Amino acid sequence: MTANLQAYKVHLQAPWGKLQYDIVFAFLESLKGQKILDFGSGFGIVADFLAENNQVTAIEPSSEMIPERKQNFSYEQLQGSLNLLKNLPDQSFDVIICHNVLEYVSDPALYLAEFSRLLKKDGKISLVKHHEVGRIMHTVVFENDPEKAQQLLAGQEYQTHSMGVAKVYQIKEVISGLPLEVEDYQGVRIFYGLQANDYKTAPDWAQKMFEMELAVCNQSPYRDIAAFQHVWLVKS
């Protein structure tokens, strides 16, 4: 993965970048007193949020991103990837966070296998993934790029805004043969990724859109057209 860290920082500071984290935080706010692994922790935004009420270990593959994180010492930060996961003991965690990461690895199933091993029985994985239907809609409507959308439709790799080349994966395929099943899922960026950015600088835009997204995030067909999906996997 070749990330444009400056572009990613700008995105996170924009109203729509902040909104995505606010929505995800709403899905995670009930986690308390848990031992949590945040894999692909990036700038530490989610780890920082969860560390307020949980014991958090954060792992980030990119050595470039770790120095840029918010310096919060209430969670453990490690640098590494699949090999580091393999060195951790079985059933070490109650919850594993993996948000917007597996699109950028060669074989997502290898990572899910390690997550499954590291989870305690009845433990959960919070997975945020690109959703092909919503990504295609966003690419055609917001980006006005039907050619790129055709690549997505054909299942090809595609260039993201700031995180490099990505490829959508299917949940059923990556958890096949593992003691993991989908417990529930929510849509993220259902509506606002289709709007022009001009609307998004209004003082009340973020709050109104936050309320609208949460109102339908658990409902089909809305969650099935989102650009991202938040999936809860549970270990049986």
Protein backbone atom coordinates (compact mmCIF):
# COMPACT_ATOMS: atom_id res chain seq x y z
CA MET A 1 0.00 0.00 0.00
CA THR A 2 1.34 3.40 -0.96
CA ALA A 3 -0.56 5.98 1.04
CA ASN A 4 -0.64 9.72 0.46
CA LEU A 5 -0.55 10.69 4.13
CA GLN A 6 -1.00 14.40 3.49
CA ALA A 7 -4.13 13.80 1.39
CA TYR A 8 -5.44 11.43 4.05
CA LYS A 9 -4.88 14.03 6.79
CA VAL A 10 -6.74 16.65 4.79
CA HIS A 11 -9.61 14.18 4.30
CA LEU A 12 -9.82 13.47 8.03
CA GLN A 13 -9.97 17.18 8.85
CA ALA A 14 -12.83 17.80 6.40
CA PRO A 15 -16.44 17.60 7.68
CA TRP A 16 -17.09 14.40 5.73
CA GLY A 17 -13.93 12.77 7.07
CA LYS A 18 -14.86 13.55 10.66
CA LEU A 19 -18.42 12.39 10.06
CA GLN A 20 -17.34 8.90 9.05
CA TYR A 21 -15.50 8.45 12.35
CA ASP A 22 -18.44 9.84 14.32
CA ILE A 23 -20.70 7.23 12.71
CA VAL A 24 -18.26 4.40 13.43
CA PHE A 25 -17.83 5.60 17.02
CA ALA A 26 -21.60 5.30 17.45
CA PHE A 27 -21.30 1.62 16.51
CA LEU A 28 -18.46 1.06 19.01
CA GLU A 29 -19.49 3.20 21.97
CA SER A 30 -21.05 0.25 23.87
CA LEU A 31 -17.63 -1.48 24.14
CA LYS A 32 -16.46 -1.17 27.72
CA GLY A 33 -14.05 -3.21 29.84
CA GLN A 34 -12.88 -5.22 26.83
CA LYS A 35 -9.44 -6.34 25.74
CA ILE A 36 -9.22 -4.99 22.19
CA LEU A 37 -6.83 -5.32 19.27
CA ASP A 38 -6.96 -2.52 16.69
CA PHE A 39 -5.21 -3.83 13.59
CA GLY A 40 -4.32 -1.24 10.95
CA SER A 41 -4.64 1.48 13.56
CA GLY A 42 -3.41 4.29 11.30
CA PHE A 43 -3.25 7.61 13.12
CA GLY A 44 -4.73 6.00 16.25
CA ILE A 45 -8.11 7.71 16.05
CA VAL A 46 -10.18 4.61 16.84
CA ALA A 47 -7.62 3.26 19.35
CA ASP A 48 -7.68 6.59 21.15
CA PHE A 49 -11.49 6.55 21.33
CA LEU A 50 -11.68 2.96 22.57
CA ALA A 51 -8.86 3.35 25.11
CA GLU A 52 -11.08 5.58 27.23
CA ASN A 53 -13.01 2.51 28.44
CA ASN A 54 -10.99 -0.51 27.29
CA GLN A 55 -7.53 -2.08 27.26
CA VAL A 56 -6.30 -1.50 23.71
CA THR A 57 -3.36 -2.87 21.74
CA ALA A 58 -2.88 -1.11 18.39
CA ILE A 59 -0.92 -2.58 15.47
CA GLU A 60 -0.05 -0.52 12.39
CA PRO A 61 1.84 -2.01 9.42
CA SER A 62 3.07 1.38 8.13
CA SER A 63 6.04 2.83 10.00
CA GLU A 64 5.21 6.21 8.40
CA MET A 65 1.81 6.51 10.04
CA ILE A 66 2.74 5.76 13.65
CA PRO A 67 4.78 8.97 14.26
CA GLU A 68 1.83 10.99 12.94
CA ARG A 69 -0.66 9.61 15.43
CA LYS A 70 -2.11 11.51 18.35
CA GLN A 71 0.29 10.86 21.23
CA ASN A 72 -1.97 9.06 23.64
CA PHE A 73 -0.15 6.69 25.94
CA SER A 74 -3.26 4.98 27.31
CA TYR A 75 -2.95 2.21 24.71
CA GLU A 76 -0.07 0.06 23.47
CA GLN A 77 1.19 0.85 19.94
CA LEU A 78 3.09 -1.78 17.95
CA GLN A 79 4.42 -1.73 14.39
CA GLY A 80 4.04 -4.85 12.25
CA SER A 81 1.69 -6.93 10.16
CA LEU A 82 0.79 -10.60 9.64
CA ASN A 83 4.02 -11.94 11.19
CA LEU A 84 3.38 -9.93 14.34
CA LEU A 85 -0.15 -11.30 14.58
CA LYS A 86 1.22 -14.84 14.35
CA ASN A 87 3.41 -14.23 17.41
CA LEU A 88 0.48 -13.28 19.65
CA PRO A 89 -1.07 -15.96 21.91
CA ASP A 90 -4.34 -17.72 21.10
CA GLN A 91 -7.58 -16.23 22.43
CA SER A 92 -5.93 -12.99 23.56
CA PHE A 93 -8.73 -10.55 22.76
CA ASP A 94 -12.44 -9.96 23.30
CA VAL A 95 -12.76 -7.68 20.26
CA ILE A 96 -10.67 -7.06 17.16
CA ILE A 97 -11.00 -3.84 15.16
CA CYS A 98 -10.01 -3.87 11.48
CA HIS A 99 -11.26 -0.84 9.59
CA ASN A 100 -10.53 -0.12 5.94
CA VAL A 101 -7.48 -2.38 5.87
CA LEU A 102 -8.12 -5.70 4.13
CA GLU A 103 -8.70 -4.04 0.75
CA TYR A 104 -4.96 -3.34 0.68
CA VAL A 105 -3.54 -6.80 1.50
CA SER A 106 -2.90 -9.62 -0.95
CA ASP A 107 -4.99 -12.25 0.88
CA PRO A 108 -7.58 -11.01 3.41
CA ALA A 109 -8.43 -14.59 4.41
CA LEU A 110 -4.98 -15.02 6.01
CA TYR A 111 -5.64 -12.09 8.30
CA LEU A 112 -9.15 -13.28 9.20
CA ALA A 113 -7.70 -16.68 10.10
CA GLU A 114 -5.29 -15.00 12.55
CA PHE A 115 -8.05 -12.81 13.95
CA SER A 116 -10.17 -15.92 14.53
CA ARG A 117 -7.30 -17.59 16.40
CA LEU A 118 -6.68 -14.51 18.53
CA LEU A 119 -10.33 -14.07 19.51
CA LYS A 120 -11.85 -15.59 22.61
CA LYS A 121 -14.97 -17.70 22.15
CA ASP A 122 -17.96 -15.45 21.43
CA GLY A 123 -15.50 -12.63 20.69
CA LYS A 124 -16.28 -10.15 17.92
CA ILE A 125 -14.56 -8.52 14.97
CA SER A 126 -15.53 -4.99 13.98
CA LEU A 127 -14.80 -4.83 10.27
CA VAL A 128 -15.20 -1.75 8.06
CA LYS A 129 -14.97 -2.66 4.39
CA HIS A 130 -15.51 -1.07 1.02
CA HIS A 131 -18.91 -2.03 -0.39
CA GLU A 132 -18.90 -2.52 -4.13
CA VAL A 133 -22.46 -1.30 -4.83
CA GLY A 134 -21.97 1.94 -2.93
CA ARG A 135 -18.47 2.44 -4.31
CA ILE A 136 -19.78 2.17 -7.86
CA MET A 137 -22.59 4.63 -7.15
CA HIS A 138 -20.13 7.07 -5.53
CA THR A 139 -17.73 6.77 -8.46
CA VAL A 140 -20.42 7.42 -11.07
CA VAL A 141 -22.37 10.15 -9.23
CA PHE A 142 -19.85 12.02 -7.05
CA GLU A 143 -16.64 11.44 -9.02
CA ASN A 144 -18.38 11.41 -12.42
CA ASP A 145 -16.00 8.64 -13.51
CA PRO A 146 -17.94 5.85 -15.29
CA GLU A 147 -14.69 4.36 -16.63
CA LYS A 148 -13.37 3.75 -13.12
CA ALA A 149 -16.80 2.46 -12.12
CA GLN A 150 -16.61 -0.13 -14.88
CA GLN A 151 -13.35 -1.37 -13.36
CA LEU A 152 -15.06 -1.71 -10.00
CA LEU A 153 -17.96 -3.52 -11.64
CA ALA A 154 -15.52 -5.99 -13.18
CA GLY A 155 -13.89 -6.62 -9.79
CA GLN A 156 -10.59 -5.03 -10.76
CA GLU A 157 -8.22 -3.12 -8.48
CA TYR A 158 -8.82 0.61 -8.24
CA GLN A 159 -7.02 3.71 -7.03
CA THR A 160 -8.40 5.25 -3.86
CA HIS A 161 -8.23 8.92 -2.94
CA SER A 162 -5.31 8.65 -0.54
CA MET A 163 -4.61 5.05 0.51
CA GLY A 164 -3.31 3.58 -2.73
CA VAL A 165 -4.60 0.66 -4.79
CA ALA A 166 -7.49 -1.32 -3.30
CA LYS A 167 -9.59 -4.36 -4.18
CA VAL A 168 -13.04 -5.20 -2.82
CA TYR A 169 -13.37 -8.59 -1.11
CA GLN A 170 -16.42 -10.66 -0.21
CA ILE A 171 -17.12 -11.52 3.44
CA LYS A 172 -18.39 -15.05 2.73
CA GLU A 173 -15.19 -15.88 0.86
CA VAL A 174 -12.72 -14.61 3.47
CA ILE A 175 -14.42 -16.33 6.42
CA SER A 176 -15.06 -19.62 4.61
CA GLY A 177 -13.93 -22.52 6.81
CA LEU A 178 -13.41 -20.28 9.87
CA PRO A 179 -15.52 -20.31 13.05
CA LEU A 180 -16.80 -16.82 12.20
CA GLU A 181 -20.24 -15.69 11.15
CA VAL A 182 -21.89 -12.37 10.37
CA GLU A 183 -23.89 -11.18 13.36
CA ASP A 184 -25.05 -7.88 11.88
CA TYR A 185 -23.95 -5.06 9.57
CA GLN A 186 -24.51 -1.35 9.11
CA GLY A 187 -24.11 1.05 6.23
CA VAL A 188 -21.60 3.91 6.40
CA ARG A 189 -21.60 6.81 3.97
CA ILE A 190 -25.01 5.92 2.60
CA PHE A 191 -26.03 9.38 1.42
CA TYR A 192 -23.34 11.95 1.95
CA GLY A 193 -20.82 10.41 -0.43
CA LEU A 194 -23.26 11.19 -3.24
CA GLN A 195 -23.54 14.89 -2.36
CA ALA A 196 -21.37 17.67 -3.74
CA ASN A 197 -18.89 18.91 -1.14
CA ASP A 198 -20.35 22.43 -1.40
CA TYR A 199 -23.27 21.32 0.78
CA LYS A 200 -21.01 19.91 3.47
CA THR A 201 -19.55 23.16 4.81
CA ALA A 202 -22.89 24.42 6.19
CA PRO A 203 -22.73 24.79 10.01
CA ASP A 204 -25.50 22.26 10.67
CA TRP A 205 -24.71 19.81 7.87
CA ALA A 206 -22.66 17.30 9.89
CA GLN A 207 -25.18 16.91 12.72
CA LYS A 208 -28.16 16.56 10.39
CA MET A 209 -26.37 14.06 8.17
CA PHE A 210 -25.11 12.12 11.22
CA GLU A 211 -28.70 11.74 12.42
CA MET A 212 -29.90 10.75 8.93
CA GLU A 213 -27.18 8.13 8.43
CA LEU A 214 -27.82 6.55 11.83
CA ALA A 215 -31.58 6.54 11.22
CA VAL A 216 -31.21 4.07 8.33
CA CYS A 217 -27.81 2.42 8.87
CA ASN A 218 -29.40 -0.85 10.04
CA GLN A 219 -32.11 -0.90 7.38
CA SER A 220 -32.08 -2.49 3.96
CA PRO A 221 -32.00 -1.34 1.18
CA TYR A 222 -30.17 1.73 2.59
CA ARG A 223 -27.30 -0.18 4.19
CA ASP A 224 -26.95 -2.19 0.99
CA ILE A 225 -26.10 0.87 -1.11
CA ALA A 226 -23.55 2.37 1.32
CA ALA A 227 -20.01 3.10 0.16
CA PHE A 228 -18.73 1.30 3.28
CA GLN A 229 -20.23 -1.37 5.48
CA HIS A 230 -19.50 -2.00 9.13
CA VAL A 231 -19.74 -5.75 9.76
CA TRP A 232 -19.87 -7.47 13.13
CA LEU A 233 -18.37 -10.96 12.95
CA VAL A 234 -18.73 -13.28 15.95
CA LYS A 235 -16.60 -16.32 16.80
CA SER A 236 -18.65 -19.44 17.51
